[in-house]
């Protein structure tokens, strides 16, 4: 097994299936721009690079197609999907409401252990910000949002959020590349954690809704 996959496995417990590991790698490359929108995904080259057969690569691409990140065309191959400005705007509107509602529920339902873990992730995220490590910052940022949604305890909300946030992950990463947007994101997360700690459901819902909605202002020009 290649070093790339070995490193990927070392971060996960329990160990995911091979195609899930490959999906994680491809997803990161799409999000961070290594695989650009509309770009062709060369399955044989990717399989050779990762030291696997083409079968798990194809299975991984099916997962990413379900998430809306990849388009698969019979007899033509797979391409990174292109998110139009209109699609992005509509998805951001929906995500803002999902995250706001999740924040409100999380205030009512999170445990002390959940809050402790969330606080630790937040501290790690701030450290990445101070070090200028945007890829790490972005992943920790996403973990915070995912953990808050998980704390809502609503399985249907969790699944809907997972589906839509993966489609928008490229957009969120792009918004964080802008320095002023990055600073605002840090400020928003500080306020978010403070409201959650106080179990202020109304404030948490407002902060999380506005935080997600503000993504549109950050990426609108580049998308259009």
Protein backbone atom coordinates (compact mmCIF):
# COMPACT_ATOMS: atom_id res chain seq x y z
CA UNK A 1 0.00 0.00 0.00
CA UNK A 2 1.29 3.45 -0.84
CA UNK A 3 2.47 6.03 1.66
CA UNK A 4 -0.51 8.27 0.83
CA UNK A 5 -3.03 5.62 1.84
CA UNK A 6 -0.97 4.47 4.82
CA UNK A 7 -0.94 8.02 6.21
CA UNK A 8 -4.67 8.29 5.57
CA UNK A 9 -5.33 5.11 7.53
CA UNK A 10 -3.21 6.17 10.49
CA UNK A 11 -5.62 9.01 11.21
CA UNK A 12 -8.76 6.89 11.36
CA UNK A 13 -10.24 4.46 13.84
CA UNK A 14 -11.90 2.17 12.98
CA UNK A 15 -10.25 1.60 9.61
CA UNK A 16 -12.51 2.51 6.66
CA UNK A 17 -12.82 0.45 3.51
CA UNK A 18 -10.30 1.03 0.73
CA UNK A 19 -12.71 2.83 -1.57
CA UNK A 20 -13.70 5.18 1.28
CA UNK A 21 -10.05 6.07 1.84
CA UNK A 22 -9.65 6.78 -1.87
CA UNK A 23 -12.84 8.85 -1.88
CA UNK A 24 -11.39 10.94 0.97
CA UNK A 25 -8.20 11.57 -1.00
CA UNK A 26 -10.02 12.53 -4.21
CA UNK A 27 -12.49 14.69 -2.28
CA UNK A 28 -9.64 16.64 -0.66
CA UNK A 29 -8.04 17.23 -4.05
CA UNK A 30 -11.31 18.50 -5.48
CA UNK A 31 -11.95 20.76 -2.49
CA UNK A 32 -8.42 22.21 -2.47
CA UNK A 33 -8.29 22.70 -6.25
CA UNK A 34 -5.88 19.90 -7.13
CA UNK A 35 -8.61 18.55 -9.38
CA UNK A 36 -10.32 21.58 -10.99
CA UNK A 37 -13.99 21.88 -11.93
CA UNK A 38 -14.75 20.24 -15.29
CA UNK A 39 -11.39 18.47 -15.09
CA UNK A 40 -11.04 14.90 -16.34
CA UNK A 41 -10.24 12.30 -13.67
CA UNK A 42 -7.67 9.87 -15.06
CA UNK A 43 -8.61 6.59 -13.37
CA UNK A 44 -5.58 4.50 -14.52
CA UNK A 45 -3.09 7.17 -13.45
CA UNK A 46 -4.83 7.67 -10.12
CA UNK A 47 -4.91 3.92 -9.44
CA UNK A 48 -1.21 3.65 -10.28
CA UNK A 49 -0.35 6.58 -8.02
CA UNK A 50 -2.26 5.08 -5.08
CA UNK A 51 -1.00 1.55 -5.71
CA UNK A 52 -4.46 0.02 -6.12
CA UNK A 53 -6.53 -1.54 -8.87
CA UNK A 54 -9.07 0.53 -10.79
CA UNK A 55 -12.01 -1.17 -9.01
CA UNK A 56 -11.79 0.75 -5.67
CA UNK A 57 -11.10 3.96 -7.61
CA UNK A 58 -14.33 3.45 -9.56
CA UNK A 59 -16.24 2.71 -6.35
CA UNK A 60 -14.83 5.87 -4.80
CA UNK A 61 -15.93 7.92 -7.81
CA UNK A 62 -19.46 6.53 -7.45
CA UNK A 63 -19.52 7.81 -3.86
CA UNK A 64 -18.35 11.24 -5.01
CA UNK A 65 -20.92 11.24 -7.82
CA UNK A 66 -23.64 10.64 -5.22
CA UNK A 67 -22.29 13.61 -3.26
CA UNK A 68 -22.47 15.80 -6.37
CA UNK A 69 -18.71 16.28 -6.69
CA UNK A 70 -18.17 14.08 -9.74
CA UNK A 71 -20.04 13.48 -12.99
CA UNK A 72 -19.71 10.01 -14.53
CA UNK A 73 -20.41 9.65 -18.25
CA UNK A 74 -20.67 6.10 -19.72
CA UNK A 75 -17.88 5.39 -22.21
CA UNK A 76 -16.45 8.87 -21.62
CA UNK A 77 -15.08 8.78 -18.09
CA UNK A 78 -15.42 10.85 -14.94
CA UNK A 79 -15.14 14.61 -14.54
CA UNK A 80 -15.14 16.95 -11.56
CA UNK A 81 -18.59 18.51 -11.47
CA UNK A 82 -19.01 22.23 -12.01
CA UNK A 83 -21.09 24.15 -9.48
CA UNK A 84 -22.86 27.10 -11.06
CA UNK A 85 -23.29 30.38 -9.20
CA UNK A 86 -27.04 29.80 -9.01
CA UNK A 87 -26.61 26.28 -7.60
CA UNK A 88 -24.15 27.59 -5.03
CA UNK A 89 -26.47 30.40 -3.95
CA UNK A 90 -29.42 28.04 -3.48
CA UNK A 91 -27.34 25.45 -1.60
CA UNK A 92 -25.89 28.13 0.68
CA UNK A 93 -29.40 29.38 1.48
CA UNK A 94 -30.43 25.85 2.43
CA UNK A 95 -27.26 25.11 4.39
CA UNK A 96 -27.63 28.32 6.39
CA UNK A 97 -31.04 27.21 7.63
CA UNK A 98 -29.90 23.64 8.35
CA UNK A 99 -26.91 24.80 10.40
CA UNK A 100 -28.88 27.41 12.28
CA UNK A 101 -31.53 24.87 13.25
CA UNK A 102 -28.84 22.34 14.20
CA UNK A 103 -27.15 24.91 16.44
CA UNK A 104 -30.43 25.61 18.20
CA UNK A 105 -31.03 21.91 18.86
CA UNK A 106 -27.41 21.34 19.90
CA UNK A 107 -27.77 23.95 22.67
CA UNK A 108 -30.57 21.88 24.14
CA UNK A 109 -28.96 18.48 23.73
CA UNK A 110 -25.16 18.52 23.86
CA UNK A 111 -23.32 16.79 26.69
CA UNK A 112 -20.40 18.18 28.67
CA UNK A 113 -18.13 15.72 26.84
CA UNK A 114 -19.32 17.05 23.48
CA UNK A 115 -18.64 20.64 24.52
CA UNK A 116 -15.18 19.73 25.79
CA UNK A 117 -14.30 18.02 22.50
CA UNK A 118 -15.71 20.94 20.51
CA UNK A 119 -13.67 23.42 22.52
CA UNK A 120 -10.48 21.41 21.88
CA UNK A 121 -11.14 21.33 18.14
CA UNK A 122 -11.76 25.07 18.21
CA UNK A 123 -8.44 25.66 19.97
CA UNK A 124 -6.63 23.51 17.38
CA UNK A 125 -8.35 25.46 14.61
CA UNK A 126 -7.21 28.80 16.06
CA UNK A 127 -3.64 27.45 16.24
CA UNK A 128 -3.82 26.53 12.54
CA UNK A 129 -5.08 30.05 11.80
CA UNK A 130 -2.17 31.64 13.66
CA UNK A 131 0.26 29.41 11.78
CA UNK A 132 -1.30 30.29 8.43
CA UNK A 133 -2.13 26.62 7.78
CA UNK A 134 -5.30 26.98 5.72
CA UNK A 135 -5.83 23.31 4.73
CA UNK A 136 -5.66 22.21 8.40
CA UNK A 137 -7.76 25.17 9.49
CA UNK A 138 -10.40 24.31 6.91
CA UNK A 139 -10.65 20.66 7.97
CA UNK A 140 -10.96 21.59 11.65
CA UNK A 141 -13.52 24.24 10.72
CA UNK A 142 -15.60 21.62 8.95
CA UNK A 143 -15.26 19.23 11.90
CA UNK A 144 -16.69 21.87 14.22
CA UNK A 145 -19.72 22.35 12.01
CA UNK A 146 -20.19 18.59 11.64
CA UNK A 147 -19.89 18.05 15.40
CA UNK A 148 -22.43 20.77 16.19
CA UNK A 149 -24.86 19.22 13.73
CA UNK A 150 -24.20 15.79 15.26
CA UNK A 151 -24.97 17.23 18.69
CA UNK A 152 -28.45 18.13 17.43
CA UNK A 153 -29.31 14.44 17.76
CA UNK A 154 -31.56 14.58 14.69
CA UNK A 155 -30.45 11.82 12.31
CA UNK A 156 -32.37 13.20 9.32
CA UNK A 157 -30.88 16.65 9.82
CA UNK A 158 -27.41 15.12 10.15
CA UNK A 159 -27.79 13.20 6.88
CA UNK A 160 -29.16 16.20 4.97
CA UNK A 161 -26.34 18.39 6.26
CA UNK A 162 -23.72 15.80 5.28
CA UNK A 163 -25.09 15.60 1.74
CA UNK A 164 -25.26 19.34 1.08
CA UNK A 165 -22.10 20.40 2.89
CA UNK A 166 -20.03 18.02 0.77
CA UNK A 167 -21.33 19.69 -2.37
CA UNK A 168 -20.37 23.06 -0.93
CA UNK A 169 -17.01 22.12 0.54
CA UNK A 170 -15.14 23.61 -2.43
CA UNK A 171 -17.06 26.86 -1.96
CA UNK A 172 -16.31 27.04 1.75
CA UNK A 173 -12.63 26.38 1.11
CA UNK A 174 -12.55 29.12 -1.53
CA UNK A 175 -14.18 31.60 0.85
CA UNK A 176 -11.54 30.91 3.50
CA UNK A 177 -8.74 31.72 1.03
CA UNK A 178 -9.71 35.38 1.22
CA UNK A 179 -7.94 36.97 4.17
CA UNK A 180 -10.80 39.18 5.35
CA UNK A 181 -13.23 36.25 5.10
CA UNK A 182 -10.79 34.08 7.06
CA UNK A 183 -10.62 36.65 9.85
CA UNK A 184 -14.42 36.90 9.92
CA UNK A 185 -14.69 33.13 10.09
CA UNK A 186 -12.47 33.06 13.18
CA UNK A 187 -14.55 35.81 14.80
CA UNK A 188 -17.79 33.95 14.00
CA UNK A 189 -16.50 30.72 15.51
CA UNK A 190 -15.49 32.49 18.71
CA UNK A 191 -19.02 33.89 19.01
CA UNK A 192 -20.51 30.50 18.10
CA UNK A 193 -18.60 28.68 20.86
CA UNK A 194 -19.51 31.36 23.40
CA UNK A 195 -23.22 31.06 22.57
CA UNK A 196 -23.09 27.26 22.68
CA UNK A 197 -21.32 27.29 26.05
CA UNK A 198 -24.05 29.56 27.42
CA UNK A 199 -26.70 27.30 25.86
CA UNK A 200 -28.16 30.38 24.20
CA UNK A 201 -30.19 28.64 21.49
CA UNK A 202 -31.48 31.83 19.83
CA UNK A 203 -28.02 33.38 19.58
CA UNK A 204 -26.44 30.16 18.34
CA UNK A 205 -29.07 29.79 15.63
CA UNK A 206 -28.59 33.39 14.49
CA UNK A 207 -24.78 33.19 14.46
CA UNK A 208 -24.65 29.89 12.59
CA UNK A 209 -27.28 30.97 10.06
CA UNK A 210 -25.52 34.25 9.33
CA UNK A 211 -22.10 32.56 9.24
CA UNK A 212 -23.20 30.10 6.54
CA UNK A 213 -25.15 32.72 4.58
CA UNK A 214 -22.09 35.00 4.46
CA UNK A 215 -20.26 32.42 2.33
CA UNK A 216 -22.14 33.70 -0.70
CA UNK A 217 -20.72 37.20 -0.41
CA UNK A 218 -17.19 35.77 -0.26
CA UNK A 219 -17.36 33.58 -3.36
CA UNK A 220 -19.98 35.18 -5.61
CA UNK A 221 -17.54 37.11 -7.79
CA UNK A 222 -15.19 34.20 -8.37
CA UNK A 223 -18.05 31.87 -9.29
CA UNK A 224 -19.69 34.27 -11.68
